[in-house]
């Protein structure tokens, strides 16, 4: 039997439903929720590793019609609004080993986090595209070097596609 928990099973799970309800209440009240606080309030610390936060986030986004930005532990520590405005990437859970400690709802008050998250996604997409192009060029160069494809055939194939 597979240990992978399927999406529909998580949707029907009473524990995950209670987590989603409390998280949604926190989002409504504060605009954010800290995963550890939700777990502690529900008394679920013992099964913390079994909670599928990716599904919880997806279900909340679907049910509430909102977008959630993952934030690191640093967001829930004491910090000033100026720190958050000046350097939003410190609080977004992306890169440099930052783990997602909670989620922030996309609202006008935290648009700086949203904009920075979109910039990160764009940079990732651009980087992936560039890496793919470099890989494709390297593969074609290698094919030419070992004689699988002659440069004339490659030139004819690329000009006929245009």
Protein backbone atom coordinates (compact mmCIF):
# COMPACT_ATOMS: atom_id res chain seq x y z
CA UNK A 1 0.00 0.00 0.00
CA UNK A 2 1.24 3.46 -0.87
CA UNK A 3 2.18 5.77 1.98
CA UNK A 4 1.47 8.77 -0.23
CA UNK A 5 -1.67 10.54 0.95
CA UNK A 6 -3.93 11.41 -1.93
CA UNK A 7 -5.54 14.79 -2.33
CA UNK A 8 -9.13 13.54 -1.94
CA UNK A 9 -8.19 11.66 1.24
CA UNK A 10 -6.77 14.84 2.77
CA UNK A 11 -9.89 16.77 1.75
CA UNK A 12 -12.09 14.28 3.63
CA UNK A 13 -9.78 13.96 6.67
CA UNK A 14 -11.37 15.45 9.81
CA UNK A 15 -7.99 16.52 11.19
CA UNK A 16 -7.02 18.37 8.03
CA UNK A 17 -10.47 19.97 7.92
CA UNK A 18 -10.03 21.32 11.44
CA UNK A 19 -6.59 22.65 10.48
CA UNK A 20 -8.05 24.36 7.41
CA UNK A 21 -10.87 25.90 9.44
CA UNK A 22 -8.56 27.32 12.11
CA UNK A 23 -6.07 28.53 9.51
CA UNK A 24 -8.88 30.24 7.58
CA UNK A 25 -10.07 31.93 10.78
CA UNK A 26 -6.54 33.19 11.44
CA UNK A 27 -6.27 34.47 7.88
CA UNK A 28 -9.55 36.32 8.28
CA UNK A 29 -8.55 37.80 11.63
CA UNK A 30 -4.83 38.52 11.11
CA UNK A 31 -4.20 38.11 7.39
CA UNK A 32 -1.69 35.36 8.21
CA UNK A 33 -1.37 32.07 10.05
CA UNK A 34 1.60 30.43 11.71
CA UNK A 35 1.61 26.67 11.21
CA UNK A 36 3.07 25.94 14.66
CA UNK A 37 0.38 28.00 16.41
CA UNK A 38 -2.39 26.21 14.50
CA UNK A 39 -0.91 22.82 15.41
CA UNK A 40 -0.46 23.78 19.06
CA UNK A 41 -3.95 25.19 19.41
CA UNK A 42 -5.46 21.99 18.04
CA UNK A 43 -3.13 19.79 20.12
CA UNK A 44 -1.68 18.04 17.09
CA UNK A 45 2.06 18.48 17.77
CA UNK A 46 2.56 14.69 17.87
CA UNK A 47 1.44 14.31 14.26
CA UNK A 48 3.05 17.45 12.89
CA UNK A 49 5.05 15.58 10.23
CA UNK A 50 1.91 13.93 8.84
CA UNK A 51 0.13 17.15 7.97
CA UNK A 52 0.05 17.91 4.25
CA UNK A 53 0.47 21.70 4.31
CA UNK A 54 0.67 21.87 0.53
CA UNK A 55 -2.86 20.51 0.29
CA UNK A 56 -4.06 22.69 3.17
CA UNK A 57 -2.74 25.76 1.35
CA UNK A 58 -4.30 24.66 -1.95
CA UNK A 59 -7.69 23.97 -0.37
CA UNK A 60 -7.75 27.31 1.44
CA UNK A 61 -6.86 29.10 -1.79
CA UNK A 62 -9.61 27.26 -3.66
CA UNK A 63 -12.27 27.66 -0.97
CA UNK A 64 -11.52 31.28 -0.10
CA UNK A 65 -10.60 32.40 -3.62
CA UNK A 66 -7.38 33.94 -2.38
CA UNK A 67 -3.64 33.62 -2.92
CA UNK A 68 -1.28 32.72 -0.07
CA UNK A 69 2.39 33.68 0.11
CA UNK A 70 4.64 31.30 2.10
CA UNK A 71 6.58 33.11 4.81
CA UNK A 72 9.52 32.08 6.97
CA UNK A 73 9.71 31.97 10.77
CA UNK A 74 11.28 35.42 10.73
CA UNK A 75 7.93 36.91 9.66
CA UNK A 76 6.29 35.81 12.90
CA UNK A 77 9.13 37.10 15.09
CA UNK A 78 9.11 40.70 16.19
CA UNK A 79 9.96 43.01 13.32
CA UNK A 80 8.96 46.47 12.20
CA UNK A 81 6.81 47.24 9.19
CA UNK A 82 9.71 49.29 7.77
CA UNK A 83 11.97 46.22 7.86
CA UNK A 84 9.32 44.25 6.03
CA UNK A 85 8.83 46.98 3.41
CA UNK A 86 12.56 47.51 2.87
CA UNK A 87 13.53 43.88 2.52
CA UNK A 88 10.51 41.61 1.88
CA UNK A 89 12.60 38.67 0.62
CA UNK A 90 13.88 38.18 4.19
CA UNK A 91 10.39 37.09 5.18
CA UNK A 92 9.33 35.06 2.12
CA UNK A 93 10.11 31.35 2.46
CA UNK A 94 12.15 30.95 -0.71
CA UNK A 95 15.85 30.21 -1.01
CA UNK A 96 18.74 30.07 1.44
CA UNK A 97 17.24 27.12 3.32
CA UNK A 98 14.20 29.01 4.60
CA UNK A 99 11.35 26.76 5.63
CA UNK A 100 7.71 27.74 5.35
CA UNK A 101 6.52 28.62 8.85
CA UNK A 102 3.16 29.96 7.74
CA UNK A 103 1.23 31.79 5.08
CA UNK A 104 0.15 35.36 4.46
CA UNK A 105 -2.94 36.26 2.50
CA UNK A 106 -2.46 38.56 -0.48
CA UNK A 107 -4.08 41.83 0.53
CA UNK A 108 -3.34 45.51 -0.05
CA UNK A 109 -1.47 45.84 3.27
CA UNK A 110 1.16 43.28 2.26
CA UNK A 111 1.45 43.97 -1.44
CA UNK A 112 5.23 44.35 -1.02
CA UNK A 113 5.44 40.63 -0.19
CA UNK A 114 3.23 39.77 -3.14
CA UNK A 115 5.25 41.84 -5.60
CA UNK A 116 8.52 40.32 -4.39
CA UNK A 117 7.08 36.79 -4.63
CA UNK A 118 5.97 37.45 -8.22
CA UNK A 119 9.44 38.78 -9.04
CA UNK A 120 10.97 35.60 -7.61
CA UNK A 121 8.64 33.42 -9.68
CA UNK A 122 9.49 35.40 -12.83
CA UNK A 123 13.22 35.04 -12.15
CA UNK A 124 12.78 31.31 -11.63
CA UNK A 125 10.85 30.93 -14.88
CA UNK A 126 13.43 32.98 -16.77
CA UNK A 127 16.27 30.98 -15.25
CA UNK A 128 14.67 27.66 -16.13
CA UNK A 129 14.13 28.81 -19.72
CA UNK A 130 17.71 29.99 -20.01
CA UNK A 131 19.06 26.78 -18.48
CA UNK A 132 17.02 24.75 -20.97
CA UNK A 133 18.34 26.77 -23.91
CA UNK A 134 21.93 26.32 -22.69
CA UNK A 135 21.34 22.58 -22.26
CA UNK A 136 19.82 22.26 -25.75
CA UNK A 137 22.78 24.11 -27.28
CA UNK A 138 25.22 21.88 -25.41
CA UNK A 139 23.40 18.74 -26.59
CA UNK A 140 23.42 19.95 -30.21
CA UNK A 141 27.12 20.82 -29.91
CA UNK A 142 27.82 17.37 -28.55
CA UNK A 143 25.80 15.72 -31.35
CA UNK A 144 27.77 17.68 -33.94
CA UNK A 145 31.07 16.81 -32.23
CA UNK A 146 30.43 13.06 -32.29
CA UNK A 147 29.07 13.18 -35.83
CA UNK A 148 25.43 12.28 -35.21
CA UNK A 149 24.28 15.48 -36.91
CA UNK A 150 26.19 17.48 -39.48
CA UNK A 151 26.16 21.27 -39.04
CA UNK A 152 24.55 21.67 -42.51
CA UNK A 153 21.62 19.41 -41.52
CA UNK A 154 21.15 21.32 -38.26
CA UNK A 155 21.15 24.66 -40.13
CA UNK A 156 18.62 23.33 -42.67
CA UNK A 157 16.36 21.99 -39.90
CA UNK A 158 16.35 25.29 -37.98
CA UNK A 159 15.66 27.44 -41.06
CA UNK A 160 12.82 25.21 -42.28
CA UNK A 161 11.01 25.57 -38.92
CA UNK A 162 10.85 29.36 -39.20
